[in-house]
Structure formats: C-alpha cells, structure tokens
Amino acid sequence: MVKGIARRVVVVKSPDPKVFDEAIFLVREETGRGPGVTTERLLKEAQAVAESFARSQRERRLPHLPWWAFSLMGAGGVGAAWLLTLLF
C-alpha cells in the first residue's frame, strides 16, 4: 500500500470464481483525460480482460481425476517401458 497517493482503481468480479475472486486494475491518470474514454468503456474493457483470462485458464486446466487414476497411468507407463526393454 502506498500512502499519500490517490490512485484510480477498477475492480471487476470474476466470471468464474474457481479461477479468481476479483481483478483489480490500476488506471493511469492520463487515461481518463483522452477523447472517447468514458467510465463505461473503461469498465467494459476491464471486464473483457478478466473474462478472457478466466476463459484461458479454464481451457488449460487438466481434467480432475482421482489420485489412483494417475497412479494407474504411471504404472502403465513403467510397465510399457519394461516390456519394450525386454523385447528389444
């Protein structure tokens, strides 16, 4: 936390609470002074960025498998390696 400096902040709730709770954007002072920059446009842009990030995280997430499924896959891989070693 910086004391003595006022900052413009945009807080956006998460579209997917499993990824993050909320996104906090710090807005530069000169951003609001430009032509065509409104509060609504700034908020929509922040929401679009948060949605894009949440969507990318959902796509990258591994399927939730139980621990024993990963154990079986590992054992199968080791068994296949041993089989190939013995055959060749």
PDB file of N, CA and C in Angstrom:
ATOM      1  N   MET A   1       0.842  -1.185   0.000  1.00  0.00           N
ATOM      2  CA  MET A   1       0.000   0.000   0.000  1.00  0.00           C
ATOM      3  C   MET A   1       0.878   1.235   0.000  1.00  0.00           C
ATOM      4  N   VAL A   2       0.559   2.174  -0.881  1.00  0.00           N
ATOM      5  CA  VAL A   2       1.318   3.413  -0.991  1.00  0.00           C
ATOM      6  C   VAL A   2       0.528   4.507  -0.297  1.00  0.00           C
ATOM      7  N   LYS A   3       1.157   5.176   0.649  1.00  0.00           N
ATOM      8  CA  LYS A   3       0.456   6.230   1.387  1.00  0.00           C
ATOM      9  C   LYS A   3       0.667   7.581   0.711  1.00  0.00           C
ATOM     10  N   GLY A   4      -0.354   8.409   0.735  1.00  0.00           N
ATOM     11  CA  GLY A   4      -0.242   9.767   0.246  1.00  0.00           C
ATOM     12  C   GLY A   4      -0.503   9.927  -1.241  1.00  0.00           C
ATOM     13  N   ILE A   5      -0.846   8.865  -1.943  1.00  0.00           N
ATOM     14  CA  ILE A   5      -1.097   8.951  -3.377  1.00  0.00           C
ATOM     15  C   ILE A   5      -2.469   8.363  -3.657  1.00  0.00           C
ATOM     16  N   ALA A   6      -3.296   9.125  -4.350  1.00  0.00           N
ATOM     17  CA  ALA A   6      -4.618   8.636  -4.727  1.00  0.00           C
ATOM     18  C   ALA A   6      -4.503   7.947  -6.080  1.00  0.00           C
ATOM     19  N   ARG A   7      -5.057   6.768  -6.191  1.00  0.00           N
ATOM     20  CA  ARG A   7      -4.999   6.005  -7.427  1.00  0.00           C
ATOM     21  C   ARG A   7      -6.418   5.714  -7.906  1.00  0.00           C
ATOM     22  N   ARG A   8      -6.591   5.700  -9.218  1.00  0.00           N
ATOM     23  CA  ARG A   8      -7.869   5.292  -9.797  1.00  0.00           C
ATOM     24  C   ARG A   8      -7.830   3.788  -9.964  1.00  0.00           C
ATOM     25  N   VAL A   9      -8.871   3.124  -9.476  1.00  0.00           N
ATOM     26  CA  VAL A   9      -8.908   1.668  -9.454  1.00  0.00           C
ATOM     27  C   VAL A   9     -10.221   1.187 -10.054  1.00  0.00           C
ATOM     28  N   VAL A  10     -10.133   0.104 -10.847  1.00  0.00           N
ATOM     29  CA  VAL A  10     -11.317  -0.568 -11.365  1.00  0.00           C
ATOM     30  C   VAL A  10     -11.284  -1.981 -10.805  1.00  0.00           C
ATOM     31  N   VAL A  11     -12.352  -2.368 -10.104  1.00  0.00           N
ATOM     32  CA  VAL A  11     -12.455  -3.708  -9.523  1.00  0.00           C
ATOM     33  C   VAL A  11     -13.548  -4.456 -10.274  1.00  0.00           C
ATOM     34  N   VAL A  12     -13.196  -5.642 -10.785  1.00  0.00           N
ATOM     35  CA  VAL A  12     -14.127  -6.455 -11.570  1.00  0.00           C
ATOM     36  C   VAL A  12     -14.292  -7.793 -10.874  1.00  0.00           C
ATOM     37  N   LYS A  13     -15.527  -8.203 -10.662  1.00  0.00           N
ATOM     38  CA  LYS A  13     -15.808  -9.522 -10.086  1.00  0.00           C
ATOM     39  C   LYS A  13     -15.487 -10.596 -11.119  1.00  0.00           C
ATOM     40  N   SER A  14     -15.116 -11.755 -10.648  1.00  0.00           N
ATOM     41  CA  SER A  14     -14.712 -12.847 -11.523  1.00  0.00           C
ATOM     42  C   SER A  14     -15.911 -13.492 -12.206  1.00  0.00           C
ATOM     43  N   PRO A  15     -15.782 -13.799 -13.512  1.00  0.00           N
ATOM     44  CA  PRO A  15     -16.837 -14.559 -14.172  1.00  0.00           C
ATOM     45  C   PRO A  15     -16.815 -16.032 -13.761  1.00  0.00           C
ATOM     46  N   ASP A  16     -15.674 -16.497 -13.251  1.00  0.00           N
ATOM     47  CA  ASP A  16     -15.534 -17.880 -12.789  1.00  0.00           C
ATOM     48  C   ASP A  16     -14.811 -17.863 -11.445  1.00  0.00           C
ATOM     49  N   PRO A  17     -15.524 -17.989 -10.332  1.00  0.00           N
ATOM     50  CA  PRO A  17     -14.889 -17.897  -9.010  1.00  0.00           C
ATOM     51  C   PRO A  17     -13.856 -18.982  -8.732  1.00  0.00           C
ATOM     52  N   LYS A  18     -13.830 -20.054  -9.535  1.00  0.00           N
ATOM     53  CA  LYS A  18     -12.812 -21.075  -9.341  1.00  0.00           C
ATOM     54  C   LYS A  18     -11.431 -20.595  -9.784  1.00  0.00           C
ATOM     55  N   VAL A  19     -11.392 -19.600 -10.673  1.00  0.00           N
ATOM     56  CA  VAL A  19     -10.124 -19.096 -11.192  1.00  0.00           C
ATOM     57  C   VAL A  19      -9.591 -17.966 -10.312  1.00  0.00           C
ATOM     58  N   PHE A  20     -10.403 -16.935 -10.034  1.00  0.00           N
ATOM     59  CA  PHE A  20     -10.021 -15.828  -9.160  1.00  0.00           C
ATOM     60  C   PHE A  20     -11.278 -15.164  -8.623  1.00  0.00           C
ATOM     61  N   ASP A  21     -11.125 -14.446  -7.501  1.00  0.00           N
ATOM     62  CA  ASP A  21     -12.274 -13.789  -6.876  1.00  0.00           C
ATOM     63  C   ASP A  21     -12.617 -12.468  -7.558  1.00  0.00           C
ATOM     64  N   GLU A  22     -11.604 -11.632  -7.716  1.00  0.00           N
ATOM     65  CA  GLU A  22     -11.813 -10.351  -8.364  1.00  0.00           C
ATOM     66  C   GLU A  22     -10.500  -9.871  -8.969  1.00  0.00           C
ATOM     67  N   ALA A  23     -10.623  -9.025  -9.989  1.00  0.00           N
ATOM     68  CA  ALA A  23      -9.453  -8.446 -10.643  1.00  0.00           C
ATOM     69  C   ALA A  23      -9.411  -6.963 -10.303  1.00  0.00           C
ATOM     70  N   ILE A  24      -8.236  -6.474  -9.984  1.00  0.00           N
ATOM     71  CA  ILE A  24      -8.053  -5.065  -9.624  1.00  0.00           C
ATOM     72  C   ILE A  24      -7.141  -4.435 -10.666  1.00  0.00           C
ATOM     73  N   PHE A  25      -7.638  -3.425 -11.358  1.00  0.00           N
ATOM     74  CA  PHE A  25      -6.873  -2.720 -12.375  1.00  0.00           C
ATOM     75  C   PHE A  25      -6.543  -1.321 -11.861  1.00  0.00           C
ATOM     76  N   LEU A  26      -5.274  -0.947 -11.905  1.00  0.00           N
ATOM     77  CA  LEU A  26      -4.844   0.407 -11.562  1.00  0.00           C
ATOM     78  C   LEU A  26      -4.813   1.220 -12.853  1.00  0.00           C
ATOM     79  N   VAL A  27      -5.560   2.310 -12.888  1.00  0.00           N
ATOM     80  CA  VAL A  27      -5.716   3.105 -14.097  1.00  0.00           C
ATOM     81  C   VAL A  27      -4.808   4.331 -14.010  1.00  0.00           C
ATOM     82  N   ARG A  28      -4.092   4.604 -15.089  1.00  0.00           N
ATOM     83  CA  ARG A  28      -3.214   5.774 -15.126  1.00  0.00           C
ATOM     84  C   ARG A  28      -4.035   7.059 -15.127  1.00  0.00           C
ATOM     85  N   GLU A  29      -3.440   8.092 -14.615  1.00  0.00           N
ATOM     86  CA  GLU A  29      -4.137   9.380 -14.533  1.00  0.00           C
ATOM     87  C   GLU A  29      -4.483   9.923 -15.918  1.00  0.00           C
ATOM     88  N   GLU A  30      -3.564   9.795 -16.873  1.00  0.00           N
ATOM     89  CA  GLU A  30      -3.786  10.367 -18.207  1.00  0.00           C
ATOM     90  C   GLU A  30      -4.796   9.572 -19.030  1.00  0.00           C
ATOM     91  N   THR A  31      -5.185   8.385 -18.585  1.00  0.00           N
ATOM     92  CA  THR A  31      -6.116   7.564 -19.342  1.00  0.00           C
ATOM     93  C   THR A  31      -7.501   8.203 -19.416  1.00  0.00           C
ATOM     94  N   GLY A  32      -7.975   8.750 -18.342  1.00  0.00           N
ATOM     95  CA  GLY A  32      -9.314   9.334 -18.312  1.00  0.00           C
ATOM     96  C   GLY A  32      -9.431  10.652 -19.019  1.00  0.00           C
ATOM     97  N   ARG A  33      -8.311  11.277 -19.371  1.00  0.00           N
ATOM     98  CA  ARG A  33      -8.348  12.600 -19.990  1.00  0.00           C
ATOM     99  C   ARG A  33      -8.452  12.545 -21.508  1.00  0.00           C
ATOM    100  N   GLY A  34      -8.217  11.390 -22.108  1.00  0.00           N
ATOM    101  CA  GLY A  34      -8.231  11.266 -23.563  1.00  0.00           C
ATOM    102  C   GLY A  34      -9.633  11.362 -24.134  1.00  0.00           C
ATOM    103  N   PRO A  35      -9.714  11.655 -25.429  1.00  0.00           N
ATOM    104  CA  PRO A  35     -11.042  11.732 -26.057  1.00  0.00           C
ATOM    105  C   PRO A  35     -11.647  10.344 -26.217  1.00  0.00           C
ATOM    106  N   GLY A  36     -12.926  10.221 -25.942  1.00  0.00           N
ATOM    107  CA  GLY A  36     -13.637   8.971 -26.132  1.00  0.00           C
ATOM    108  C   GLY A  36     -13.474   7.961 -25.017  1.00  0.00           C
ATOM    109  N   VAL A  37     -12.766   8.328 -23.952  1.00  0.00           N
ATOM    110  CA  VAL A  37     -12.585   7.403 -22.834  1.00  0.00           C
ATOM    111  C   VAL A  37     -13.619   7.743 -21.769  1.00  0.00           C
ATOM    112  N   THR A  38     -14.560   6.837 -21.586  1.00  0.00           N
ATOM    113  CA  THR A  38     -15.587   7.037 -20.580  1.00  0.00           C
ATOM    114  C   THR A  38     -15.432   5.976 -19.496  1.00  0.00           C
ATOM    115  N   THR A  39     -16.105   6.178 -18.412  1.00  0.00           N
ATOM    116  CA  THR A  39     -16.066   5.213 -17.317  1.00  0.00           C
ATOM    117  C   THR A  39     -16.658   3.878 -17.752  1.00  0.00           C
ATOM    118  N   GLU A  40     -17.733   3.936 -18.533  1.00  0.00           N
ATOM    119  CA  GLU A  40     -18.368   2.713 -19.009  1.00  0.00           C
ATOM    120  C   GLU A  40     -17.432   1.924 -19.918  1.00  0.00           C
ATOM    121  N   ARG A  41     -16.725   2.629 -20.804  1.00  0.00           N
ATOM    122  CA  ARG A  41     -15.797   1.953 -21.712  1.00  0.00           C
ATOM    123  C   ARG A  41     -14.645   1.324 -20.934  1.00  0.00           C
ATOM    124  N   LEU A  42     -14.149   2.032 -19.935  1.00  0.00           N
ATOM    125  CA  LEU A  42     -13.071   1.513 -19.105  1.00  0.00           C
ATOM    126  C   LEU A  42     -13.515   0.252 -18.363  1.00  0.00           C
ATOM    127  N   LEU A  43     -14.729   0.280 -17.827  1.00  0.00           N
ATOM    128  CA  LEU A  43     -15.271  -0.871 -17.109  1.00  0.00           C
ATOM    129  C   LEU A  43     -15.488  -2.059 -18.049  1.00  0.00           C
ATOM    130  N   LYS A  44     -16.021  -1.815 -19.247  1.00  0.00           N
ATOM    131  CA  LYS A  44     -16.230  -2.905 -20.207  1.00  0.00           C
ATOM    132  C   LYS A  44     -14.912  -3.531 -20.643  1.00  0.00           C
ATOM    133  N   GLU A  45     -13.885  -2.717 -20.828  1.00  0.00           N
ATOM    134  CA  GLU A  45     -12.579  -3.242 -21.211  1.00  0.00           C
ATOM    135  C   GLU A  45     -11.984  -4.105 -20.100  1.00  0.00           C
ATOM    136  N   ALA A  46     -12.129  -3.669 -18.852  1.00  0.00           N
ATOM    137  CA  ALA A  46     -11.635  -4.456 -17.722  1.00  0.00           C
ATOM    138  C   ALA A  46     -12.385  -5.778 -17.603  1.00  0.00           C
ATOM    139  N   GLN A  47     -13.694  -5.742 -17.810  1.00  0.00           N
ATOM    140  CA  GLN A  47     -14.485  -6.980 -17.772  1.00  0.00           C
ATOM    141  C   GLN A  47     -14.084  -7.926 -18.891  1.00  0.00           C
ATOM    142  N   ALA A  48     -13.800  -7.400 -20.071  1.00  0.00           N
ATOM    143  CA  ALA A  48     -13.387  -8.234 -21.200  1.00  0.00           C
ATOM    144  C   ALA A  48     -12.040  -8.900 -20.922  1.00  0.00           C
ATOM    145  N   VAL A  49     -11.115  -8.166 -20.321  1.00  0.00           N
ATOM    146  CA  VAL A  49      -9.807  -8.733 -19.994  1.00  0.00           C
ATOM    147  C   VAL A  49      -9.949  -9.830 -18.942  1.00  0.00           C
ATOM    148  N   ALA A  50     -10.762  -9.593 -17.924  1.00  0.00           N
ATOM    149  CA  ALA A  50     -10.977 -10.594 -16.878  1.00  0.00           C
ATOM    150  C   ALA A  50     -11.634 -11.844 -17.447  1.00  0.00           C
ATOM    151  N   GLU A  51     -12.618 -11.681 -18.327  1.00  0.00           N
ATOM    152  CA  GLU A  51     -13.283 -12.824 -18.956  1.00  0.00           C
ATOM    153  C   GLU A  51     -12.318 -13.610 -19.837  1.00  0.00           C
ATOM    154  N   SER A  52     -11.486 -12.908 -20.587  1.00  0.00           N
ATOM    155  CA  SER A  52     -10.506 -13.569 -21.450  1.00  0.00           C
ATOM    156  C   SER A  52      -9.516 -14.388 -20.626  1.00  0.00           C
ATOM    157  N   PHE A  53      -9.053 -13.823 -19.507  1.00  0.00           N
ATOM    158  CA  PHE A  53      -8.117 -14.555 -18.651  1.00  0.00           C
ATOM    159  C   PHE A  53      -8.778 -15.786 -18.043  1.00  0.00           C
ATOM    160  N   ALA A  54      -9.994 -15.637 -17.550  1.00  0.00           N
ATOM    161  CA  ALA A  54     -10.704 -16.773 -16.947  1.00  0.00           C
ATOM    162  C   ALA A  54     -10.945 -17.870 -17.981  1.00  0.00           C
ATOM    163  N   ARG A  55     -11.300 -17.488 -19.208  1.00  0.00           N
ATOM    164  CA  ARG A  55     -11.528 -18.471 -20.268  1.00  0.00           C
ATOM    165  C   ARG A  55     -10.236 -19.218 -20.599  1.00  0.00           C
ATOM    166  N   SER A  56      -9.115 -18.505 -20.665  1.00  0.00           N
ATOM    167  CA  SER A  56      -7.846 -19.166 -20.982  1.00  0.00           C
ATOM    168  C   SER A  56      -7.432 -20.129 -19.872  1.00  0.00           C
ATOM    169  N   GLN A  57      -7.745 -19.798 -18.632  1.00  0.00           N
ATOM    170  CA  GLN A  57      -7.399 -20.682 -17.522  1.00  0.00           C
ATOM    171  C   GLN A  57      -8.281 -21.922 -17.505  1.00  0.00           C
ATOM    172  N   ARG A  58      -9.546 -21.784 -17.869  1.00  0.00           N
ATOM    173  CA  ARG A  58     -10.438 -22.948 -17.930  1.00  0.00           C
ATOM    174  C   ARG A  58      -9.994 -23.913 -19.015  1.00  0.00           C
ATOM    175  N   GLU A  59      -9.498 -23.399 -20.134  1.00  0.00           N
ATOM    176  CA  GLU A  59      -9.057 -24.252 -21.229  1.00  0.00           C
ATOM    177  C   GLU A  59      -7.776 -24.998 -20.882  1.00  0.00           C
ATOM    178  N   ARG A  60      -6.918 -24.407 -20.063  1.00  0.00           N
ATOM    179  CA  ARG A  60      -5.641 -25.007 -19.727  1.00  0.00           C
ATOM    180  C   ARG A  60      -5.736 -26.000 -18.584  1.00  0.00           C
ATOM    181  N   ARG A  61      -6.803 -25.970 -17.846  1.00  0.00           N
ATOM    182  CA  ARG A  61      -6.936 -26.802 -16.665  1.00  0.00           C
ATOM    183  C   ARG A  61      -7.027 -28.285 -17.031  1.00  0.00           C
ATOM    184  N   LEU A  62      -6.275 -29.113 -16.302  1.00  0.00           N
ATOM    185  CA  LEU A  62      -6.334 -30.554 -16.510  1.00  0.00           C
ATOM    186  C   LEU A  62      -7.652 -31.097 -15.976  1.00  0.00           C
ATOM    187  N   PRO A  63      -8.127 -32.166 -16.561  1.00  0.00           N
ATOM    188  CA  PRO A  63      -9.349 -32.761 -16.007  1.00  0.00           C
ATOM    189  C   PRO A  63      -9.085 -33.275 -14.596  1.00  0.00           C
ATOM    190  N   HIS A  64     -10.079 -33.163 -13.763  1.00  0.00           N
ATOM    191  CA  HIS A  64      -9.922 -33.587 -12.380  1.00  0.00           C
ATOM    192  C   HIS A  64     -10.099 -35.098 -12.289  1.00  0.00           C
ATOM    193  N   LEU A  65      -8.982 -35.782 -12.118  1.00  0.00           N
ATOM    194  CA  LEU A  65      -9.004 -37.233 -11.986  1.00  0.00           C
ATOM    195  C   LEU A  65      -8.611 -37.610 -10.570  1.00  0.00           C
ATOM    196  N   PRO A  66      -9.095 -38.724 -10.074  1.00  0.00           N
ATOM    197  CA  PRO A  66      -8.685 -39.155  -8.736  1.00  0.00           C
ATOM    198  C   PRO A  66      -7.221 -39.590  -8.736  1.00  0.00           C
ATOM    199  N   TRP A  67      -6.629 -39.623  -7.556  1.00  0.00           N
ATOM    200  CA  TRP A  67      -5.203 -39.931  -7.424  1.00  0.00           C
ATOM    201  C   TRP A  67      -4.870 -41.303  -7.980  1.00  0.00           C
ATOM    202  N   TRP A  68      -5.796 -42.240  -7.855  1.00  0.00           N
ATOM    203  CA  TRP A  68      -5.489 -43.594  -8.294  1.00  0.00           C
ATOM    204  C   TRP A  68      -5.433 -43.697  -9.816  1.00  0.00           C
ATOM    205  N   ALA A  69      -6.130 -42.799 -10.528  1.00  0.00           N
ATOM    206  CA  ALA A  69      -6.064 -42.812 -11.988  1.00  0.00           C
ATOM    207  C   ALA A  69      -4.664 -42.412 -12.461  1.00  0.00           C
ATOM    208  N   PHE A  70      -4.074 -41.411 -11.805  1.00  0.00           N
ATOM    209  CA  PHE A  70      -2.709 -41.019 -12.146  1.00  0.00           C
ATOM    210  C   PHE A  70      -1.726 -42.131 -11.790  1.00  0.00           C
ATOM    211  N   SER A  71      -1.981 -42.838 -10.699  1.00  0.00           N
ATOM    212  CA  SER A  71      -1.125 -43.962 -10.316  1.00  0.00           C
ATOM    213  C   SER A  71      -1.175 -45.066 -11.371  1.00  0.00           C
ATOM    214  N   LEU A  72      -2.380 -45.364 -11.857  1.00  0.00           N
ATOM    215  CA  LEU A  72      -2.515 -46.392 -12.896  1.00  0.00           C
ATOM    216  C   LEU A  72      -1.812 -45.979 -14.188  1.00  0.00           C
ATOM    217  N   MET A  73      -1.920 -44.709 -14.547  1.00  0.00           N
ATOM    218  CA  MET A  73      -1.245 -44.250 -15.759  1.00  0.00           C
ATOM    219  C   MET A  73       0.274 -44.344 -15.605  1.00  0.00           C
ATOM    220  N   GLY A  74       0.779 -43.981 -14.433  1.00  0.00           N
ATOM    221  CA  GLY A  74       2.213 -44.088 -14.189  1.00  0.00           C
ATOM    222  C   GLY A  74       2.680 -45.526 -14.199  1.00  0.00           C
ATOM    223  N   ALA A  75       1.929 -46.418 -13.562  1.00  0.00           N
ATOM    224  CA  ALA A  75       2.294 -47.838 -13.542  1.00  0.00           C
ATOM    225  C   ALA A  75       2.238 -48.419 -14.942  1.00  0.00           C
ATOM    226  N   GLY A  76       1.266 -48.023 -15.713  1.00  0.00           N
ATOM    227  CA  GLY A  76       1.172 -48.496 -17.093  1.00  0.00           C
ATOM    228  C   GLY A  76       2.360 -48.038 -17.928  1.00  0.00           C
ATOM    229  N   GLY A  77       2.789 -46.798 -17.714  1.00  0.00           N
ATOM    230  CA  GLY A  77       3.955 -46.294 -18.433  1.00  0.00           C
ATOM    231  C   GLY A  77       5.224 -47.041 -18.067  1.00  0.00           C
ATOM    232  N   VAL A  78       5.398 -47.312 -16.781  1.00  0.00           N
ATOM    233  CA  VAL A  78       6.573 -48.071 -16.325  1.00  0.00           C
ATOM    234  C   VAL A  78       6.515 -49.489 -16.869  1.00  0.00           C
ATOM    235  N   GLY A  79       5.346 -50.117 -16.845  1.00  0.00           N
ATOM    236  CA  GLY A  79       5.197 -51.470 -17.381  1.00  0.00           C
ATOM    237  C   GLY A  79       5.506 -51.525 -18.871  1.00  0.00           C
ATOM    238  N   ALA A  80       5.043 -50.534 -19.615  1.00  0.00           N
ATOM    239  CA  ALA A  80       5.323 -50.492 -21.053  1.00  0.00           C
ATOM    240  C   ALA A  80       6.811 -50.310 -21.310  1.00  0.00           C
ATOM    241  N   ALA A  81       7.480 -49.477 -20.511  1.00  0.00           N
ATOM    242  CA  ALA A  81       8.922 -49.283 -20.665  1.00  0.00           C
ATOM    243  C   ALA A  81       9.676 -50.583 -20.398  1.00  0.00           C
ATOM    244  N   TRP A  82       9.287 -51.304 -19.354  1.00  0.00           N
ATOM    245  CA  TRP A  82       9.931 -52.594 -19.057  1.00  0.00           C
ATOM    246  C   TRP A  82       9.684 -53.595 -20.180  1.00  0.00           C
ATOM    247  N   LEU A  83       8.480 -53.620 -20.695  1.00  0.00           N
ATOM    248  CA  LEU A  83       8.155 -54.551 -21.782  1.00  0.00           C
ATOM    249  C   LEU A  83       8.995 -54.254 -23.018  1.00  0.00           C
ATOM    250  N   LEU A  84       9.118 -52.975 -23.360  1.00  0.00           N
ATOM    251  CA  LEU A  84       9.937 -52.608 -24.510  1.00  0.00           C
ATOM    252  C   LEU A  84      11.404 -52.931 -24.273  1.00  0.00           C
ATOM    253  N   THR A  85      11.871 -52.770 -23.037  1.00  0.00           N
ATOM    254  CA  THR A  85      13.260 -53.094 -22.706  1.00  0.00           C
ATOM    255  C   THR A  85      13.513 -54.583 -22.870  1.00  0.00           C
ATOM    256  N   LEU A  86      12.593 -55.425 -22.436  1.00  0.00           N
ATOM    257  CA  LEU A  86      12.757 -56.860 -22.514  1.00  0.00           C
ATOM    258  C   LEU A  86      12.648 -57.376 -23.952  1.00  0.00           C
ATOM    259  N   LEU A  87      11.819 -56.730 -24.765  1.00  0.00           N
ATOM    260  CA  LEU A  87      11.627 -57.182 -26.134  1.00  0.00           C
ATOM    261  C   LEU A  87      12.780 -56.789 -27.051  1.00  0.00           C
ATOM    262  N   PHE A  88      13.422 -55.685 -26.775  1.00  0.00           N
ATOM    263  CA  PHE A  88      14.470 -55.212 -27.690  1.00  0.00           C
ATOM    264  C   PHE A  88      15.783 -55.252 -27.047  1.00  0.00           C
TER     265      PHE A  88
END
